PDB file of all heavy atoms in Angstrom:
ATOM      1  N   GLN A   1      19.139 -41.866   1.523  1.00  0.00           N
ATOM      2  CA  GLN A   1      18.516 -42.017   2.837  1.00  0.00           C
ATOM      3  C   GLN A   1      17.021 -41.716   2.729  1.00  0.00           C
ATOM      4  O   GLN A   1      16.562 -41.157   1.741  1.00  0.00           O
ATOM      5  CB  GLN A   1      19.172 -41.079   3.856  1.00  0.00           C
ATOM      6  CG  GLN A   1      20.619 -41.387   4.120  1.00  0.00           C
ATOM      7  CD  GLN A   1      20.804 -42.762   4.733  1.00  0.00           C
ATOM      8  OE1 GLN A   1      20.107 -43.160   5.652  1.00  0.00           O
ATOM      9  NE2 GLN A   1      21.755 -43.504   4.201  1.00  0.00           N
ATOM     10  N   THR A   2      16.285 -42.074   3.742  1.00  0.00           N
ATOM     11  CA  THR A   2      14.857 -41.785   3.765  1.00  0.00           C
ATOM     12  C   THR A   2      14.627 -40.530   4.592  1.00  0.00           C
ATOM     13  O   THR A   2      15.027 -40.454   5.750  1.00  0.00           O
ATOM     14  CB  THR A   2      14.074 -42.962   4.368  1.00  0.00           C
ATOM     15  OG1 THR A   2      14.353 -44.140   3.602  1.00  0.00           O
ATOM     16  CG2 THR A   2      12.580 -42.692   4.345  1.00  0.00           C
ATOM     17  N   ASN A   3      13.993 -39.534   3.983  1.00  0.00           N
ATOM     18  CA  ASN A   3      13.752 -38.278   4.687  1.00  0.00           C
ATOM     19  C   ASN A   3      12.487 -38.368   5.543  1.00  0.00           C
ATOM     20  O   ASN A   3      11.841 -39.418   5.606  1.00  0.00           O
ATOM     21  CB  ASN A   3      13.704 -37.099   3.710  1.00  0.00           C
ATOM     22  CG  ASN A   3      12.544 -37.178   2.727  1.00  0.00           C
ATOM     23  OD1 ASN A   3      11.552 -37.856   2.944  1.00  0.00           O
ATOM     24  ND2 ASN A   3      12.684 -36.450   1.623  1.00  0.00           N
ATOM     25  N   ALA A   4      12.113 -37.262   6.188  1.00  0.00           N
ATOM     26  CA  ALA A   4      10.955 -37.224   7.088  1.00  0.00           C
ATOM     27  C   ALA A   4       9.649 -37.492   6.352  1.00  0.00           C
ATOM     28  O   ALA A   4       8.660 -37.910   6.966  1.00  0.00           O
ATOM     29  CB  ALA A   4      10.894 -35.873   7.803  1.00  0.00           C
ATOM     30  N   ARG A   5       9.633 -37.293   5.041  1.00  0.00           N
ATOM     31  CA  ARG A   5       8.433 -37.560   4.234  1.00  0.00           C
ATOM     32  C   ARG A   5       8.398 -38.998   3.723  1.00  0.00           C
ATOM     33  O   ARG A   5       7.506 -39.367   2.982  1.00  0.00           O
ATOM     34  CB  ARG A   5       8.372 -36.583   3.067  1.00  0.00           C
ATOM     35  CG  ARG A   5       8.258 -35.118   3.486  1.00  0.00           C
ATOM     36  CD  ARG A   5       8.241 -34.156   2.299  1.00  0.00           C
ATOM     37  NE  ARG A   5       9.349 -34.310   1.371  1.00  0.00           N
ATOM     38  CZ  ARG A   5      10.552 -33.761   1.515  1.00  0.00           C
ATOM     39  NH1 ARG A   5      10.813 -33.026   2.570  1.00  0.00           N
ATOM     40  NH2 ARG A   5      11.500 -33.939   0.618  1.00  0.00           N
ATOM     41  N   GLY A   6       9.422 -39.783   4.086  1.00  0.00           N
ATOM     42  CA  GLY A   6       9.480 -41.181   3.647  1.00  0.00           C
ATOM     43  C   GLY A   6      10.015 -41.361   2.244  1.00  0.00           C
ATOM     44  O   GLY A   6       9.889 -42.439   1.662  1.00  0.00           O
ATOM     45  N   GLU A   7      10.629 -40.327   1.684  1.00  0.00           N
ATOM     46  CA  GLU A   7      11.169 -40.373   0.328  1.00  0.00           C
ATOM     47  C   GLU A   7      12.675 -40.582   0.356  1.00  0.00           C
ATOM     48  O   GLU A   7      13.349 -40.167   1.283  1.00  0.00           O
ATOM     49  CB  GLU A   7      10.861 -39.050  -0.390  1.00  0.00           C
ATOM     50  CG  GLU A   7       9.402 -38.684  -0.407  1.00  0.00           C
ATOM     51  CD  GLU A   7       9.165 -37.212  -0.748  1.00  0.00           C
ATOM     52  OE1 GLU A   7      10.096 -36.387  -0.631  1.00  0.00           O
ATOM     53  OE2 GLU A   7       8.023 -36.907  -1.120  1.00  0.00           O
ATOM     54  N   LYS A   8      13.206 -41.232  -0.699  1.00  0.00           N
ATOM     55  CA  LYS A   8      14.658 -41.348  -0.855  1.00  0.00           C
ATOM     56  C   LYS A   8      15.222 -39.977  -1.196  1.00  0.00           C
ATOM     57  O   LYS A   8      14.629 -39.219  -1.959  1.00  0.00           O
ATOM     58  CB  LYS A   8      15.026 -42.350  -1.951  1.00  0.00           C
ATOM     59  CG  LYS A   8      14.670 -43.779  -1.614  1.00  0.00           C
ATOM     60  CD  LYS A   8      15.604 -44.310  -0.554  1.00  0.00           C
ATOM     61  CE  LYS A   8      15.294 -45.774  -0.281  1.00  0.00           C
ATOM     62  NZ  LYS A   8      15.998 -46.288   0.851  1.00  0.00           N
ATOM     63  N   THR A   9      16.374 -39.671  -0.631  1.00  0.00           N
ATOM     64  CA  THR A   9      16.940 -38.338  -0.786  1.00  0.00           C
ATOM     65  C   THR A   9      18.052 -38.276  -1.812  1.00  0.00           C
ATOM     66  O   THR A   9      18.673 -39.277  -2.150  1.00  0.00           O
ATOM     67  CB  THR A   9      17.515 -37.853   0.553  1.00  0.00           C
ATOM     68  OG1 THR A   9      18.567 -38.743   0.936  1.00  0.00           O
ATOM     69  CG2 THR A   9      16.462 -37.789   1.625  1.00  0.00           C
ATOM     70  N   ASN A  10      18.311 -37.052  -2.251  1.00  0.00           N
ATOM     71  CA  ASN A  10      19.511 -36.727  -3.024  1.00  0.00           C
ATOM     72  C   ASN A  10      20.577 -36.309  -2.013  1.00  0.00           C
ATOM     73  O   ASN A  10      20.275 -36.018  -0.860  1.00  0.00           O
ATOM     74  CB  ASN A  10      19.233 -35.575  -3.990  1.00  0.00           C
ATOM     75  CG  ASN A  10      18.197 -35.949  -5.027  1.00  0.00           C
ATOM     76  OD1 ASN A  10      18.289 -37.005  -5.644  1.00  0.00           O
ATOM     77  ND2 ASN A  10      17.204 -35.096  -5.200  1.00  0.00           N
ATOM     78  N   ALA A  11      21.813 -36.263  -2.436  1.00  0.00           N
ATOM     79  CA  ALA A  11      22.892 -35.820  -1.542  1.00  0.00           C
ATOM     80  C   ALA A  11      22.643 -34.379  -1.095  1.00  0.00           C
ATOM     81  O   ALA A  11      22.191 -33.549  -1.878  1.00  0.00           O
ATOM     82  CB  ALA A  11      24.237 -35.923  -2.243  1.00  0.00           C
ATOM     83  N   HIS A  12      22.933 -34.110   0.146  1.00  0.00           N
ATOM     84  CA  HIS A  12      22.878 -32.779   0.756  1.00  0.00           C
ATOM     85  C   HIS A  12      21.467 -32.198   0.860  1.00  0.00           C
ATOM     86  O   HIS A  12      21.304 -30.990   0.930  1.00  0.00           O
ATOM     87  CB  HIS A  12      23.784 -31.786   0.037  1.00  0.00           C
ATOM     88  CG  HIS A  12      25.129 -32.298  -0.335  1.00  0.00           C
ATOM     89  ND1 HIS A  12      25.975 -32.898   0.564  1.00  0.00           N
ATOM     90  CD2 HIS A  12      25.766 -32.323  -1.527  1.00  0.00           C
ATOM     91  CE1 HIS A  12      27.078 -33.250  -0.060  1.00  0.00           C
ATOM     92  NE2 HIS A  12      26.976 -32.922  -1.318  1.00  0.00           N
ATOM     93  N   GLU A  13      20.448 -33.030   0.887  1.00  0.00           N
ATOM     94  CA  GLU A  13      19.078 -32.538   1.058  1.00  0.00           C
ATOM     95  C   GLU A  13      18.874 -32.159   2.525  1.00  0.00           C
ATOM     96  O   GLU A  13      19.216 -32.911   3.428  1.00  0.00           O
ATOM     97  CB  GLU A  13      18.081 -33.621   0.646  1.00  0.00           C
ATOM     98  CG  GLU A  13      16.639 -33.184   0.746  1.00  0.00           C
ATOM     99  CD  GLU A  13      15.680 -34.283   0.300  1.00  0.00           C
ATOM    100  OE1 GLU A  13      15.936 -34.925  -0.739  1.00  0.00           O
ATOM    101  OE2 GLU A  13      14.681 -34.507   1.022  1.00  0.00           O
ATOM    102  N   ASP A  14      18.299 -30.991   2.769  1.00  0.00           N
ATOM    103  CA  ASP A  14      18.076 -30.519   4.135  1.00  0.00           C
ATOM    104  C   ASP A  14      17.178 -31.465   4.925  1.00  0.00           C
ATOM    105  O   ASP A  14      16.142 -31.910   4.435  1.00  0.00           O
ATOM    106  CB  ASP A  14      17.403 -29.140   4.130  1.00  0.00           C
ATOM    107  CG  ASP A  14      18.310 -28.028   3.665  1.00  0.00           C
ATOM    108  OD1 ASP A  14      19.522 -28.244   3.533  1.00  0.00           O
ATOM    109  OD2 ASP A  14      17.790 -26.915   3.435  1.00  0.00           O
ATOM    110  N   ASP A  15      17.574 -31.735   6.171  1.00  0.00           N
ATOM    111  CA  ASP A  15      16.741 -32.470   7.126  1.00  0.00           C
ATOM    112  C   ASP A  15      16.017 -31.418   7.956  1.00  0.00           C
ATOM    113  O   ASP A  15      16.469 -31.011   9.024  1.00  0.00           O
ATOM    114  CB  ASP A  15      17.598 -33.375   8.013  1.00  0.00           C
ATOM    115  CG  ASP A  15      16.784 -34.128   9.052  1.00  0.00           C
ATOM    116  OD1 ASP A  15      15.550 -33.917   9.132  1.00  0.00           O
ATOM    117  OD2 ASP A  15      17.380 -34.918   9.802  1.00  0.00           O
ATOM    118  N   THR A  16      14.879 -30.964   7.452  1.00  0.00           N
ATOM    119  CA  THR A  16      14.169 -29.858   8.091  1.00  0.00           C
ATOM    120  C   THR A  16      13.442 -30.264   9.373  1.00  0.00           C
ATOM    121  O   THR A  16      12.868 -29.413  10.045  1.00  0.00           O
ATOM    122  CB  THR A  16      13.176 -29.203   7.114  1.00  0.00           C
ATOM    123  OG1 THR A  16      12.298 -30.200   6.607  1.00  0.00           O
ATOM    124  CG2 THR A  16      13.923 -28.529   5.966  1.00  0.00           C
ATOM    125  N   ALA A  17      13.513 -31.533   9.734  1.00  0.00           N
ATOM    126  CA  ALA A  17      12.945 -31.964  11.016  1.00  0.00           C
ATOM    127  C   ALA A  17      13.950 -31.755  12.148  1.00  0.00           C
ATOM    128  O   ALA A  17      13.609 -31.958  13.315  1.00  0.00           O
ATOM    129  CB  ALA A  17      12.536 -33.435  10.938  1.00  0.00           C
ATOM    130  N   ASN A  18      15.174 -31.356  11.832  1.00  0.00           N
ATOM    131  CA  ASN A  18      16.226 -31.229  12.843  1.00  0.00           C
ATOM    132  C   ASN A  18      16.977 -29.899  12.757  1.00  0.00           C
ATOM    133  O   ASN A  18      18.192 -29.849  12.865  1.00  0.00           O
ATOM    134  CB  ASN A  18      17.218 -32.392  12.703  1.00  0.00           C
ATOM    135  CG  ASN A  18      16.618 -33.678  13.185  1.00  0.00           C
ATOM    136  OD1 ASN A  18      16.402 -33.856  14.373  1.00  0.00           O
ATOM    137  ND2 ASN A  18      16.311 -34.570  12.259  1.00  0.00           N
ATOM    138  N   ILE A  19      16.252 -28.806  12.569  1.00  0.00           N
ATOM    139  CA  ILE A  19      16.868 -27.484  12.481  1.00  0.00           C
ATOM    140  C   ILE A  19      17.222 -26.999  13.886  1.00  0.00           C
ATOM    141  O   ILE A  19      16.413 -27.068  14.792  1.00  0.00           O
ATOM    142  CB  ILE A  19      15.914 -26.481  11.797  1.00  0.00           C
ATOM    143  CG1 ILE A  19      15.567 -26.974  10.387  1.00  0.00           C
ATOM    144  CG2 ILE A  19      16.533 -25.086  11.759  1.00  0.00           C
ATOM    145  CD1 ILE A  19      14.469 -26.187   9.716  1.00  0.00           C
ATOM    146  N   GLU A  20      18.450 -26.513  14.048  1.00  0.00           N
ATOM    147  CA  GLU A  20      18.921 -26.010  15.350  1.00  0.00           C
ATOM    148  C   GLU A  20      19.185 -24.512  15.269  1.00  0.00           C
ATOM    149  O   GLU A  20      19.499 -23.979  14.215  1.00  0.00           O
ATOM    150  CB  GLU A  20      20.216 -26.718  15.758  1.00  0.00           C
ATOM    151  CG  GLU A  20      20.061 -28.204  15.931  1.00  0.00           C
ATOM    152  CD  GLU A  20      20.036 -28.631  17.379  1.00  0.00           C
ATOM    153  OE1 GLU A  20      20.393 -27.840  18.263  1.00  0.00           O
ATOM    154  OE2 GLU A  20      19.658 -29.784  17.612  1.00  0.00           O
ATOM    155  N   ASN A  21      19.084 -23.842  16.419  1.00  0.00           N
ATOM    156  CA  ASN A  21      19.326 -22.417  16.553  1.00  0.00           C
ATOM    157  C   ASN A  21      19.626 -22.147  18.012  1.00  0.00           C
ATOM    158  O   ASN A  21      20.081 -23.026  18.718  1.00  0.00           O
ATOM    159  CB  ASN A  21      18.088 -21.635  16.068  1.00  0.00           C
ATOM    160  CG  ASN A  21      18.264 -20.123  16.125  1.00  0.00           C
ATOM    161  OD1 ASN A  21      17.494 -19.438  16.769  1.00  0.00           O
ATOM    162  ND2 ASN A  21      19.268 -19.591  15.468  1.00  0.00           N
ATOM    163  N   ARG A  22      19.404 -20.969  18.466  1.00  0.00           N
ATOM    164  CA  ARG A  22      19.501 -20.583  19.875  1.00  0.00           C
ATOM    165  C   ARG A  22      20.912 -20.417  20.390  1.00  0.00           C
ATOM    166  O   ARG A  22      21.205 -20.725  21.533  1.00  0.00           O
ATOM    167  CB  ARG A  22      18.708 -21.524  20.784  1.00  0.00           C
ATOM    168  CG  ARG A  22      17.242 -21.645  20.436  1.00  0.00           C
ATOM    169  CD  ARG A  22      16.542 -20.309  20.679  1.00  0.00           C
ATOM    170  NE  ARG A  22      15.175 -20.335  20.217  1.00  0.00           N
ATOM    171  CZ  ARG A  22      14.129 -20.218  21.011  1.00  0.00           C
ATOM    172  NH1 ARG A  22      14.266 -20.075  22.293  1.00  0.00           N
ATOM    173  NH2 ARG A  22      12.917 -20.225  20.489  1.00  0.00           N
ATOM    174  N   GLY A  23      21.816 -19.910  19.551  1.00  0.00           N
ATOM    175  CA  GLY A  23      23.138 -19.551  20.043  1.00  0.00           C
ATOM    176  C   GLY A  23      23.079 -18.186  20.715  1.00  0.00           C
ATOM    177  O   GLY A  23      22.084 -17.467  20.607  1.00  0.00           O
ATOM    178  N   ASP A  24      24.120 -17.823  21.421  1.00  0.00           N
ATOM    179  CA  ASP A  24      24.216 -16.497  22.042  1.00  0.00           C
ATOM    180  C   ASP A  24      24.742 -15.506  21.012  1.00  0.00           C
ATOM    181  O   ASP A  24      25.722 -15.785  20.315  1.00  0.00           O
ATOM    182  CB  ASP A  24      25.168 -16.525  23.246  1.00  0.00           C
ATOM    183  CG  ASP A  24      24.601 -17.299  24.416  1.00  0.00           C
ATOM    184  OD1 ASP A  24      23.366 -17.426  24.514  1.00  0.00           O
ATOM    185  OD2 ASP A  24      25.407 -17.780  25.235  1.00  0.00           O
ATOM    186  N   LEU A  25      24.108 -14.342  20.919  1.00  0.00           N
ATOM    187  CA  LEU A  25      24.468 -13.341  19.925  1.00  0.00           C
ATOM    188  C   LEU A  25      25.466 -12.327  20.464  1.00  0.00           C
ATOM    189  O   LEU A  25      25.382 -11.900  21.606  1.00  0.00           O
ATOM    190  CB  LEU A  25      23.217 -12.583  19.457  1.00  0.00           C
ATOM    191  CG  LEU A  25      22.082 -13.397  18.845  1.00  0.00           C
ATOM    192  CD1 LEU A  25      20.974 -12.463  18.391  1.00  0.00           C
ATOM    193  CD2 LEU A  25      22.570 -14.255  17.702  1.00  0.00           C
ATOM    194  N   CYS A  26      26.403 -11.935  19.610  1.00  0.00           N
ATOM    195  CA  CYS A  26      27.331 -10.840  19.888  1.00  0.00           C
ATOM    196  C   CYS A  26      27.083  -9.778  18.816  1.00  0.00           C
ATOM    197  O   CYS A  26      27.174 -10.113  17.632  1.00  0.00           O
ATOM    198  CB  CYS A  26      28.770 -11.341  19.819  1.00  0.00           C
ATOM    199  SG  CYS A  26      30.014 -10.025  19.893  1.00  0.00           S
ATOM    200  N   PRO A  27      26.849  -8.515  19.153  1.00  0.00           N
ATOM    201  CA  PRO A  27      26.649  -8.076  20.504  1.00  0.00           C
ATOM    202  C   PRO A  27      25.331  -8.608  21.049  1.00  0.00           C
ATOM    203  O   PRO A  27      24.449  -8.852  20.291  1.00  0.00           O
ATOM    204  CB  PRO A  27      26.632  -6.570  20.382  1.00  0.00           C
ATOM    205  CG  PRO A  27      26.461  -6.242  18.932  1.00  0.00           C
ATOM    206  CD  PRO A  27      26.692  -7.475  18.173  1.00  0.00           C
ATOM    207  N   THR A  28      25.227  -8.935  22.178  1.00  0.00           N
ATOM    208  CA  THR A  28      25.570  -8.480  23.494  1.00  0.00           C
ATOM    209  C   THR A  28      26.477  -9.456  24.251  1.00  0.00           C
ATOM    210  O   THR A  28      27.206  -9.027  25.131  1.00  0.00           O
ATOM    211  CB  THR A  28      24.317  -8.227  24.332  1.00  0.00           C
ATOM    212  OG1 THR A  28      23.507  -9.384  24.303  1.00  0.00           O
ATOM    213  CG2 THR A  28      23.500  -7.091  23.821  1.00  0.00           C
ATOM    214  N   MET A  29      26.429 -10.734  23.923  1.00  0.00           N
ATOM    215  CA  MET A  29      27.266 -11.726  24.599  1.00  0.00           C
ATOM    216  C   MET A  29      28.560 -11.876  23.813  1.00  0.00           C
ATOM    217  O   MET A  29      28.696 -12.784  22.993  1.00  0.00           O
ATOM    218  CB  MET A  29      26.535 -13.067  24.689  1.00  0.00           C
ATOM    219  CG  MET A  29      25.181 -12.994  25.387  1.00  0.00           C
ATOM    220  SD  MET A  29      25.306 -12.548  27.112  1.00  0.00           S
ATOM    221  CE  MET A  29      25.850 -14.093  27.788  1.00  0.00           C
ATOM    222  N   CYS A  30      29.545 -11.000  24.083  1.00  0.00           N
ATOM    223  CA  CYS A  30      30.771 -10.960  23.278  1.00  0.00           C
ATOM    224  C   CYS A  30      32.032 -11.381  24.041  1.00  0.00           C
ATOM    225  O   CYS A  30      33.131 -11.208  23.515  1.00  0.00           O
ATOM    226  CB  CYS A  30      30.962  -9.559  22.709  1.00  0.00           C
ATOM    227  SG  CYS A  30      29.640  -9.050  21.590  1.00  0.00           S
TER     228      CYS A  30
END
């Protein structure tokens, strides 16, 4: 595939343009 830098990728290369976070943490939201 073509990555964000326009290069062909190897298998399982991170797509660092699409990093997700922001889940609720336990503790406190348990």
